[in-house]
Amino acid sequence: MTDSFREVEQRVALTRKRLRGYPHEQVLLARLVTHVQKRQTDLCNAALKPHELNMVTYTALMMLYGSPEQTLTPSALSQATGEKPTNVTRVCDELLARGLIERSASTADRRQVVLRLSPAGEALIVALQPGIRQALQQLYGDFDAAQIAALTTLLRQVLVRTDAPSSTPALP
């Protein structure tokens, strides 16, 4: 098995020698998280490609599927997916055109738009699960419950820190 991260580690080590006080351990961790996220997205996108979906469109469908009555407002979908509102609009237009979601006015407030998973969208979600399960198994299948819990806890801590307002953004 090859280690695709080795070259990054070597470059960070050289940078550490050149820059006094360089936070090499934090930089390595940040770059490792980025590399893992890209590999995860690539694996899942490969499973979704035969269905003409990608991780963003799949995540939008799954957030609707996991919502009460399988409905969300566009702003709630934006928050649930972590996508910007303009991208959520584009994704929703694509899913609407394919008949995977429906758009209607809210019964509580006609000015508000409600997105609903369609029966075709629900059927597609069910059909996608074996491929997604296989991709996740490839990524995390060798981890035991304690390792998954530890990694989840650590990543949630990082997420909480990034959700908090910061005065100085840092880019490794």
N, C-alpha and C. Protein backbone atom coordinates (compact mmCIF):
# COMPACT_ATOMS: atom_id res chain seq x y z
N MET A 1 0.85 -1.18 0.00
CA MET A 1 0.00 0.00 0.00
C MET A 1 0.90 1.25 0.00
N THR A 2 0.58 2.19 -0.86
CA THR A 2 1.37 3.42 -0.93
C THR A 2 0.81 4.46 0.02
N ASP A 3 1.69 5.35 0.43
CA ASP A 3 1.28 6.44 1.32
C ASP A 3 1.34 7.73 0.51
N SER A 4 0.18 8.14 0.01
CA SER A 4 0.11 9.32 -0.85
C SER A 4 0.40 10.62 -0.10
N PHE A 5 0.52 10.53 1.19
CA PHE A 5 0.75 11.73 2.01
C PHE A 5 2.24 11.95 2.29
N ARG A 6 3.08 10.98 2.00
CA ARG A 6 4.51 11.06 2.33
C ARG A 6 5.17 12.31 1.75
N GLU A 7 4.88 12.63 0.50
CA GLU A 7 5.51 13.81 -0.12
C GLU A 7 5.09 15.10 0.58
N VAL A 8 3.86 15.17 1.01
CA VAL A 8 3.40 16.36 1.75
C VAL A 8 4.19 16.48 3.04
N GLU A 9 4.34 15.38 3.76
CA GLU A 9 5.12 15.38 5.01
C GLU A 9 6.54 15.86 4.77
N GLN A 10 7.14 15.42 3.68
CA GLN A 10 8.51 15.84 3.38
C GLN A 10 8.59 17.33 3.11
N ARG A 11 7.62 17.85 2.41
CA ARG A 11 7.62 19.29 2.11
C ARG A 11 7.37 20.12 3.37
N VAL A 12 6.49 19.64 4.24
CA VAL A 12 6.24 20.35 5.50
C VAL A 12 7.50 20.31 6.38
N ALA A 13 8.21 19.18 6.37
CA ALA A 13 9.45 19.08 7.14
C ALA A 13 10.49 20.07 6.64
N LEU A 14 10.60 20.23 5.33
CA LEU A 14 11.55 21.20 4.77
C LEU A 14 11.12 22.62 5.12
N THR A 15 9.82 22.89 5.04
CA THR A 15 9.32 24.21 5.41
C THR A 15 9.63 24.51 6.88
N ARG A 16 9.51 23.50 7.73
CA ARG A 16 9.81 23.66 9.16
C ARG A 16 11.26 24.08 9.36
N LYS A 17 12.16 23.53 8.58
CA LYS A 17 13.58 23.89 8.69
C LYS A 17 13.81 25.32 8.24
N ARG A 18 13.01 25.79 7.28
CA ARG A 18 13.21 27.12 6.71
C ARG A 18 12.51 28.23 7.50
N LEU A 19 11.41 27.89 8.18
CA LEU A 19 10.64 28.90 8.90
C LEU A 19 10.66 28.60 10.40
N ARG A 20 11.28 29.48 11.13
CA ARG A 20 11.33 29.32 12.58
C ARG A 20 9.92 29.43 13.17
N GLY A 21 9.58 28.52 14.06
CA GLY A 21 8.28 28.55 14.73
C GLY A 21 7.14 28.02 13.88
N TYR A 22 7.44 27.41 12.75
CA TYR A 22 6.41 26.89 11.86
C TYR A 22 5.63 25.79 12.58
N PRO A 23 4.30 25.90 12.63
CA PRO A 23 3.49 24.92 13.37
C PRO A 23 3.30 23.62 12.57
N HIS A 24 4.38 22.91 12.37
CA HIS A 24 4.37 21.78 11.44
C HIS A 24 3.37 20.68 11.82
N GLU A 25 3.20 20.41 13.09
CA GLU A 25 2.27 19.35 13.47
C GLU A 25 0.82 19.73 13.13
N GLN A 26 0.46 20.98 13.40
CA GLN A 26 -0.89 21.43 13.07
C GLN A 26 -1.08 21.50 11.55
N VAL A 27 -0.04 21.92 10.84
CA VAL A 27 -0.13 21.99 9.38
C VAL A 27 -0.29 20.58 8.81
N LEU A 28 0.49 19.63 9.32
CA LEU A 28 0.35 18.25 8.84
C LEU A 28 -1.07 17.73 9.08
N LEU A 29 -1.59 18.00 10.25
CA LEU A 29 -2.94 17.54 10.57
C LEU A 29 -3.97 18.18 9.64
N ALA A 30 -3.85 19.48 9.42
CA ALA A 30 -4.80 20.18 8.53
C ALA A 30 -4.72 19.63 7.11
N ARG A 31 -3.52 19.39 6.64
CA ARG A 31 -3.36 18.86 5.28
C ARG A 31 -3.84 17.41 5.20
N LEU A 32 -3.63 16.65 6.26
CA LEU A 32 -4.10 15.26 6.28
C LEU A 32 -5.63 15.21 6.24
N VAL A 33 -6.28 16.07 7.01
CA VAL A 33 -7.75 16.13 6.99
C VAL A 33 -8.23 16.47 5.58
N THR A 34 -7.57 17.41 4.93
CA THR A 34 -7.94 17.80 3.57
C THR A 34 -7.77 16.63 2.61
N HIS A 35 -6.65 15.92 2.72
CA HIS A 35 -6.42 14.76 1.84
C HIS A 35 -7.47 13.68 2.07
N VAL A 36 -7.79 13.40 3.32
CA VAL A 36 -8.80 12.38 3.62
C VAL A 36 -10.16 12.80 3.07
N GLN A 37 -10.52 14.06 3.26
CA GLN A 37 -11.81 14.55 2.76
C GLN A 37 -11.88 14.41 1.25
N LYS A 38 -10.81 14.72 0.55
CA LYS A 38 -10.82 14.60 -0.91
C LYS A 38 -10.95 13.14 -1.33
N ARG A 39 -10.25 12.24 -0.66
CA ARG A 39 -10.36 10.81 -1.00
C ARG A 39 -11.78 10.30 -0.71
N GLN A 40 -12.35 10.72 0.41
CA GLN A 40 -13.71 10.32 0.76
C GLN A 40 -14.69 10.80 -0.30
N THR A 41 -14.57 12.04 -0.71
CA THR A 41 -15.44 12.60 -1.73
C THR A 41 -15.27 11.85 -3.05
N ASP A 42 -14.03 11.55 -3.42
CA ASP A 42 -13.78 10.83 -4.67
C ASP A 42 -14.42 9.44 -4.65
N LEU A 43 -14.26 8.71 -3.54
CA LEU A 43 -14.85 7.38 -3.44
C LEU A 43 -16.37 7.43 -3.52
N CYS A 44 -16.96 8.35 -2.79
CA CYS A 44 -18.42 8.47 -2.81
C CYS A 44 -18.91 8.96 -4.17
N ASN A 45 -18.21 9.90 -4.78
CA ASN A 45 -18.61 10.37 -6.10
C ASN A 45 -18.57 9.24 -7.13
N ALA A 46 -17.59 8.34 -7.00
CA ALA A 46 -17.52 7.20 -7.92
C ALA A 46 -18.75 6.31 -7.77
N ALA A 47 -19.21 6.13 -6.53
CA ALA A 47 -20.42 5.32 -6.30
C ALA A 47 -21.67 6.02 -6.80
N LEU A 48 -21.67 7.35 -6.79
CA LEU A 48 -22.84 8.12 -7.17
C LEU A 48 -22.91 8.44 -8.67
N LYS A 49 -21.77 8.39 -9.35
CA LYS A 49 -21.70 8.79 -10.75
C LYS A 49 -22.66 8.04 -11.66
N PRO A 50 -22.84 6.72 -11.50
CA PRO A 50 -23.80 6.03 -12.39
C PRO A 50 -25.23 6.57 -12.26
N HIS A 51 -25.52 7.24 -11.17
CA HIS A 51 -26.85 7.81 -10.93
C HIS A 51 -26.89 9.30 -11.23
N GLU A 52 -25.80 9.80 -11.82
CA GLU A 52 -25.66 11.22 -12.18
C GLU A 52 -25.82 12.14 -10.98
N LEU A 53 -25.24 11.72 -9.86
CA LEU A 53 -25.20 12.53 -8.64
C LEU A 53 -23.75 12.72 -8.21
N ASN A 54 -23.56 13.65 -7.30
CA ASN A 54 -22.26 13.82 -6.64
C ASN A 54 -22.54 13.99 -5.15
N MET A 55 -21.49 14.16 -4.36
CA MET A 55 -21.66 14.24 -2.91
C MET A 55 -22.57 15.39 -2.49
N VAL A 56 -22.52 16.50 -3.18
CA VAL A 56 -23.35 17.65 -2.80
C VAL A 56 -24.83 17.34 -3.05
N THR A 57 -25.14 16.81 -4.24
CA THR A 57 -26.55 16.51 -4.53
C THR A 57 -27.04 15.36 -3.65
N TYR A 58 -26.18 14.37 -3.42
CA TYR A 58 -26.55 13.25 -2.55
C TYR A 58 -26.80 13.74 -1.12
N THR A 59 -25.93 14.60 -0.62
CA THR A 59 -26.09 15.12 0.74
C THR A 59 -27.39 15.91 0.85
N ALA A 60 -27.73 16.68 -0.16
CA ALA A 60 -29.00 17.42 -0.14
C ALA A 60 -30.18 16.45 -0.05
N LEU A 61 -30.14 15.40 -0.86
CA LEU A 61 -31.21 14.40 -0.80
C LEU A 61 -31.28 13.74 0.57
N MET A 62 -30.13 13.41 1.13
CA MET A 62 -30.09 12.73 2.43
C MET A 62 -30.57 13.64 3.56
N MET A 63 -30.29 14.94 3.48
CA MET A 63 -30.77 15.85 4.51
C MET A 63 -32.28 15.98 4.45
N LEU A 64 -32.84 15.94 3.25
CA LEU A 64 -34.30 15.93 3.12
C LEU A 64 -34.86 14.61 3.64
N TYR A 65 -34.23 13.52 3.29
CA TYR A 65 -34.69 12.19 3.72
C TYR A 65 -34.71 12.08 5.25
N GLY A 66 -33.73 12.67 5.89
CA GLY A 66 -33.62 12.59 7.34
C GLY A 66 -34.38 13.66 8.10
N SER A 67 -35.16 14.46 7.40
CA SER A 67 -35.93 15.53 8.03
C SER A 67 -37.37 15.08 8.29
N PRO A 68 -37.99 15.66 9.32
CA PRO A 68 -39.41 15.36 9.55
C PRO A 68 -40.21 15.64 8.28
N GLU A 69 -41.05 14.73 7.92
CA GLU A 69 -41.89 14.85 6.72
C GLU A 69 -41.08 15.01 5.44
N GLN A 70 -39.77 14.77 5.51
CA GLN A 70 -38.86 14.86 4.37
C GLN A 70 -38.95 16.22 3.67
N THR A 71 -39.05 17.27 4.49
CA THR A 71 -39.13 18.63 3.96
C THR A 71 -38.12 19.53 4.67
N LEU A 72 -37.66 20.55 3.95
CA LEU A 72 -36.79 21.60 4.49
C LEU A 72 -37.02 22.86 3.68
N THR A 73 -36.72 23.99 4.28
CA THR A 73 -36.67 25.23 3.51
C THR A 73 -35.29 25.29 2.85
N PRO A 74 -35.14 26.08 1.80
CA PRO A 74 -33.81 26.20 1.19
C PRO A 74 -32.74 26.66 2.18
N SER A 75 -33.07 27.59 3.06
CA SER A 75 -32.07 28.06 4.03
C SER A 75 -31.70 26.96 5.02
N ALA A 76 -32.66 26.15 5.44
CA ALA A 76 -32.36 25.03 6.33
C ALA A 76 -31.53 23.98 5.60
N LEU A 77 -31.80 23.78 4.32
CA LEU A 77 -31.00 22.83 3.54
C LEU A 77 -29.57 23.34 3.38
N SER A 78 -29.43 24.64 3.19
CA SER A 78 -28.10 25.24 3.10
C SER A 78 -27.31 24.99 4.39
N GLN A 79 -27.95 25.21 5.50
CA GLN A 79 -27.30 24.99 6.79
C GLN A 79 -26.98 23.50 7.00
N ALA A 80 -27.90 22.63 6.64
CA ALA A 80 -27.71 21.20 6.86
C ALA A 80 -26.61 20.61 6.00
N THR A 81 -26.44 21.16 4.80
CA THR A 81 -25.42 20.64 3.89
C THR A 81 -24.08 21.36 4.01
N GLY A 82 -24.10 22.55 4.60
CA GLY A 82 -22.88 23.36 4.66
C GLY A 82 -22.58 24.06 3.35
N GLU A 83 -23.55 24.06 2.45
CA GLU A 83 -23.37 24.72 1.14
C GLU A 83 -23.90 26.14 1.20
N LYS A 84 -23.32 26.99 0.38
CA LYS A 84 -23.79 28.38 0.28
C LYS A 84 -25.17 28.40 -0.38
N PRO A 85 -26.00 29.38 -0.02
CA PRO A 85 -27.36 29.44 -0.58
C PRO A 85 -27.41 29.41 -2.11
N THR A 86 -26.47 30.09 -2.77
CA THR A 86 -26.49 30.08 -4.24
C THR A 86 -26.24 28.67 -4.79
N ASN A 87 -25.37 27.91 -4.14
CA ASN A 87 -25.12 26.55 -4.59
C ASN A 87 -26.33 25.65 -4.30
N VAL A 88 -26.99 25.87 -3.17
CA VAL A 88 -28.19 25.10 -2.84
C VAL A 88 -29.27 25.37 -3.88
N THR A 89 -29.40 26.60 -4.34
CA THR A 89 -30.37 26.91 -5.38
C THR A 89 -30.06 26.12 -6.64
N ARG A 90 -28.79 26.10 -7.04
CA ARG A 90 -28.39 25.35 -8.24
C ARG A 90 -28.66 23.86 -8.06
N VAL A 91 -28.30 23.31 -6.91
CA VAL A 91 -28.52 21.89 -6.62
C VAL A 91 -30.02 21.57 -6.65
N CYS A 92 -30.81 22.42 -6.03
CA CYS A 92 -32.26 22.19 -6.01
C CYS A 92 -32.86 22.25 -7.40
N ASP A 93 -32.40 23.19 -8.21
CA ASP A 93 -32.89 23.26 -9.59
C ASP A 93 -32.58 21.96 -10.33
N GLU A 94 -31.38 21.43 -10.12
CA GLU A 94 -30.99 20.17 -10.76
C GLU A 94 -31.86 19.01 -10.27
N LEU A 95 -32.08 18.93 -8.96
CA LEU A 95 -32.88 17.85 -8.39
C LEU A 95 -34.36 17.98 -8.79
N LEU A 96 -34.85 19.21 -8.90
CA LEU A 96 -36.22 19.46 -9.36
C LEU A 96 -36.39 18.99 -10.81
N ALA A 97 -35.43 19.34 -11.65
CA ALA A 97 -35.50 18.96 -13.06
C ALA A 97 -35.51 17.44 -13.24
N ARG A 98 -34.89 16.74 -12.32
CA ARG A 98 -34.84 15.27 -12.39
C ARG A 98 -36.02 14.62 -11.67
N GLY A 99 -36.88 15.43 -11.05
CA GLY A 99 -38.05 14.90 -10.36
C GLY A 99 -37.72 14.23 -9.04
N LEU A 100 -36.56 14.56 -8.46
CA LEU A 100 -36.15 13.94 -7.19
C LEU A 100 -36.63 14.71 -5.97
N ILE A 101 -36.95 15.99 -6.18
CA ILE A 101 -37.55 16.80 -5.11
C ILE A 101 -38.69 17.61 -5.71
N GLU A 102 -39.51 18.16 -4.82
CA GLU A 102 -40.62 19.03 -5.22
C GLU A 102 -40.49 20.34 -4.46
N ARG A 103 -40.95 21.42 -5.07
CA ARG A 103 -40.91 22.74 -4.43
C ARG A 103 -42.34 23.26 -4.35
N SER A 104 -42.69 23.80 -3.17
CA SER A 104 -44.03 24.37 -3.00
C SER A 104 -43.98 25.49 -1.98
N ALA A 105 -45.08 26.23 -1.88
CA ALA A 105 -45.20 27.27 -0.87
C ALA A 105 -45.54 26.62 0.46
N SER A 106 -45.02 27.18 1.52
CA SER A 106 -45.31 26.69 2.87
C SER A 106 -46.78 26.91 3.20
N THR A 107 -47.37 25.95 3.89
CA THR A 107 -48.75 26.14 4.33
C THR A 107 -48.84 27.13 5.48
N ALA A 108 -47.76 27.28 6.24
CA ALA A 108 -47.74 28.22 7.36
C ALA A 108 -47.48 29.66 6.89
N ASP A 109 -46.65 29.81 5.85
CA ASP A 109 -46.29 31.14 5.35
C ASP A 109 -46.08 31.01 3.84
N ARG A 110 -47.02 31.48 3.07
CA ARG A 110 -46.96 31.30 1.62
C ARG A 110 -45.75 31.97 0.98
N ARG A 111 -45.11 32.90 1.71
CA ARG A 111 -43.90 33.54 1.17
C ARG A 111 -42.69 32.62 1.25
N GLN A 112 -42.79 31.59 2.06
CA GLN A 112 -41.67 30.68 2.28
C GLN A 112 -41.79 29.46 1.37
N VAL A 113 -40.65 29.07 0.79
CA VAL A 113 -40.59 27.90 -0.08
C VAL A 113 -40.24 26.68 0.75
N VAL A 114 -40.87 25.56 0.44
CA VAL A 114 -40.58 24.29 1.10
C VAL A 114 -40.14 23.29 0.05
N LEU A 115 -39.06 22.59 0.34
CA LEU A 115 -38.57 21.53 -0.54
C LEU A 115 -38.97 20.20 0.07
N ARG A 116 -39.43 19.29 -0.78
CA ARG A 116 -39.87 17.98 -0.30
C ARG A 116 -39.24 16.90 -1.18
N LEU A 117 -38.78 15.85 -0.56
CA LEU A 117 -38.27 14.70 -1.29
C LEU A 117 -39.43 14.03 -2.02
N SER A 118 -39.26 13.75 -3.28
CA SER A 118 -40.31 13.10 -4.06
C SER A 118 -40.21 11.58 -3.89
N PRO A 119 -41.24 10.85 -4.26
CA PRO A 119 -41.15 9.39 -4.22
C PRO A 119 -39.98 8.86 -5.05
N ALA A 120 -39.70 9.48 -6.18
CA ALA A 120 -38.55 9.06 -7.01
C ALA A 120 -37.24 9.32 -6.27
N GLY A 121 -37.17 10.44 -5.54
CA GLY A 121 -35.98 10.75 -4.75
C GLY A 121 -35.78 9.75 -3.64
N GLU A 122 -36.86 9.38 -2.99
CA GLU A 122 -36.78 8.40 -1.91
C GLU A 122 -36.33 7.04 -2.46
N ALA A 123 -36.86 6.64 -3.59
CA ALA A 123 -36.46 5.36 -4.20
C ALA A 123 -34.99 5.38 -4.59
N LEU A 124 -34.52 6.51 -5.10
CA LEU A 124 -33.11 6.62 -5.48
C LEU A 124 -32.21 6.50 -4.26
N ILE A 125 -32.58 7.12 -3.15
CA ILE A 125 -31.78 7.03 -1.93
C ILE A 125 -31.61 5.57 -1.51
N VAL A 126 -32.69 4.82 -1.56
CA VAL A 126 -32.62 3.41 -1.20
C VAL A 126 -31.68 2.66 -2.14
N ALA A 127 -31.76 2.96 -3.44
CA ALA A 127 -30.92 2.29 -4.43
C ALA A 127 -29.44 2.64 -4.27
N LEU A 128 -29.14 3.82 -3.76
CA LEU A 128 -27.76 4.28 -3.62
C LEU A 128 -27.02 3.67 -2.43
N GLN A 129 -27.75 3.17 -1.45
CA GLN A 129 -27.13 2.78 -0.19
C GLN A 129 -26.04 1.70 -0.31
N PRO A 130 -26.19 0.67 -1.12
CA PRO A 130 -25.10 -0.32 -1.20
C PRO A 130 -23.77 0.28 -1.64
N GLY A 131 -23.78 1.15 -2.64
CA GLY A 131 -22.55 1.78 -3.11
C GLY A 131 -21.94 2.70 -2.08
N ILE A 132 -22.78 3.47 -1.40
CA ILE A 132 -22.28 4.37 -0.36
C ILE A 132 -21.72 3.55 0.81
N ARG A 133 -22.42 2.49 1.20
CA ARG A 133 -21.93 1.62 2.27
C ARG A 133 -20.57 1.05 1.93
N GLN A 134 -20.39 0.64 0.69
CA GLN A 134 -19.11 0.06 0.26
C GLN A 134 -17.99 1.11 0.34
N ALA A 135 -18.27 2.33 -0.09
CA ALA A 135 -17.26 3.40 0.00
C ALA A 135 -16.90 3.69 1.44
N LEU A 136 -17.90 3.76 2.32
CA LEU A 136 -17.63 4.03 3.73
C LEU A 136 -16.89 2.87 4.39
N GLN A 137 -17.20 1.67 3.96
CA GLN A 137 -16.49 0.50 4.48
C GLN A 137 -15.02 0.56 4.09
N GLN A 138 -14.75 0.98 2.87
CA GLN A 138 -13.36 1.10 2.42
C GLN A 138 -12.61 2.14 3.25
N LEU A 139 -13.30 3.21 3.60
CA LEU A 139 -12.67 4.28 4.36
C LEU A 139 -12.51 3.94 5.84
N TYR A 140 -13.56 3.43 6.45
CA TYR A 140 -13.59 3.32 7.91
C TYR A 140 -13.85 1.90 8.43
N GLY A 141 -13.95 0.93 7.55
CA GLY A 141 -14.33 -0.42 7.94
C GLY A 141 -13.38 -1.12 8.89
N ASP A 142 -12.11 -0.76 8.88
CA ASP A 142 -11.15 -1.41 9.78
C ASP A 142 -11.12 -0.79 11.17
N PHE A 143 -11.84 0.30 11.37
CA PHE A 143 -11.86 0.94 12.68
C PHE A 143 -12.83 0.22 13.60
N ASP A 144 -12.43 0.08 14.86
CA ASP A 144 -13.39 -0.48 15.83
C ASP A 144 -14.22 0.68 16.40
N ALA A 145 -15.20 0.34 17.20
CA ALA A 145 -16.13 1.34 17.73
C ALA A 145 -15.41 2.43 18.53
N ALA A 146 -14.40 2.04 19.31
CA ALA A 146 -13.67 3.03 20.11
C ALA A 146 -12.89 4.00 19.21
N GLN A 147 -12.30 3.50 18.13
CA GLN A 147 -11.57 4.38 17.22
C GLN A 147 -12.52 5.34 16.50
N ILE A 148 -13.65 4.84 16.09
CA ILE A 148 -14.63 5.71 15.44
C ILE A 148 -15.12 6.78 16.41
N ALA A 149 -15.39 6.39 17.64
CA ALA A 149 -15.85 7.36 18.65
C ALA A 149 -14.78 8.41 18.92
N ALA A 150 -13.52 7.99 19.01
CA ALA A 150 -12.42 8.93 19.28
C ALA A 150 -12.24 9.90 18.12
N LEU A 151 -12.25 9.39 16.91
CA LEU A 151 -12.09 10.25 15.74
C LEU A 151 -13.27 11.22 15.62
N THR A 152 -14.46 10.73 15.86
CA THR A 152 -15.66 11.57 15.81
C THR A 152 -15.57 12.69 16.84
N THR A 153 -15.16 12.36 18.05
CA THR A 153 -15.03 13.36 19.11
C THR A 153 -14.02 14.43 18.73
N LEU A 154 -12.87 14.02 18.23
CA LEU A 154 -11.84 14.99 17.85
C LEU A 154 -12.29 15.88 16.70
N LEU A 155 -12.90 15.30 15.69
CA LEU A 155 -13.35 16.11 14.56
C LEU A 155 -14.47 17.06 14.95
N ARG A 156 -15.35 16.63 15.84
CA ARG A 156 -16.41 17.53 16.33
C ARG A 156 -15.81 18.70 17.11
N GLN A 157 -14.74 18.44 17.87
CA GLN A 157 -14.08 19.53 18.59
C GLN A 157 -13.51 20.55 17.61
N VAL A 158 -12.91 20.08 16.53
CA VAL A 158 -12.38 20.98 15.52
C VAL A 158 -13.52 21.77 14.88
N LEU A 159 -14.62 21.08 14.58
CA LEU A 159 -15.77 21.74 13.97
C LEU A 159 -16.33 22.84 14.87
N VAL A 160 -16.43 22.57 16.17
CA VAL A 160 -16.92 23.58 17.11
C VAL A 160 -16.00 24.80 17.09
N ARG A 161 -14.69 24.56 17.02
CA ARG A 161 -13.75 25.69 16.98
C ARG A 161 -13.92 26.50 15.71
N THR A 162 -14.18 25.82 14.60
CA THR A 162 -14.31 26.57 13.34
C THR A 162 -15.67 27.24 13.23
N ASP A 163 -16.66 26.75 13.97
CA ASP A 163 -17.97 27.40 13.99
C ASP A 163 -17.94 28.70 14.79
N ALA A 164 -17.01 28.79 15.75
CA ALA A 164 -16.90 29.98 16.58
C ALA A 164 -16.27 31.11 15.77
N PRO A 165 -16.73 32.35 15.98
CA PRO A 165 -16.13 33.48 15.25
C PRO A 165 -14.65 33.62 15.61
N SER A 166 -13.87 33.95 14.61
CA SER A 166 -12.43 34.09 14.82
C SER A 166 -11.98 35.45 14.29
N SER A 167 -11.03 36.04 14.98
CA SER A 167 -10.54 37.34 14.55
C SER A 167 -9.43 37.20 13.52
N THR A 168 -8.75 36.06 13.51
CA THR A 168 -7.64 35.89 12.56
C THR A 168 -7.73 34.51 11.91
N PRO A 169 -8.25 34.45 10.69
CA PRO A 169 -8.32 33.16 10.01
C PRO A 169 -6.91 32.67 9.68
N ALA A 170 -6.70 31.37 9.84
CA ALA A 170 -5.40 30.78 9.57
C ALA A 170 -5.52 29.79 8.43
N LEU A 171 -4.66 29.93 7.46
CA LEU A 171 -4.62 29.00 6.34
C LEU A 171 -3.26 28.31 6.35
N PRO A 172 -3.23 27.02 6.59
CA PRO A 172 -1.93 26.31 6.60
C PRO A 172 -1.35 26.18 5.22
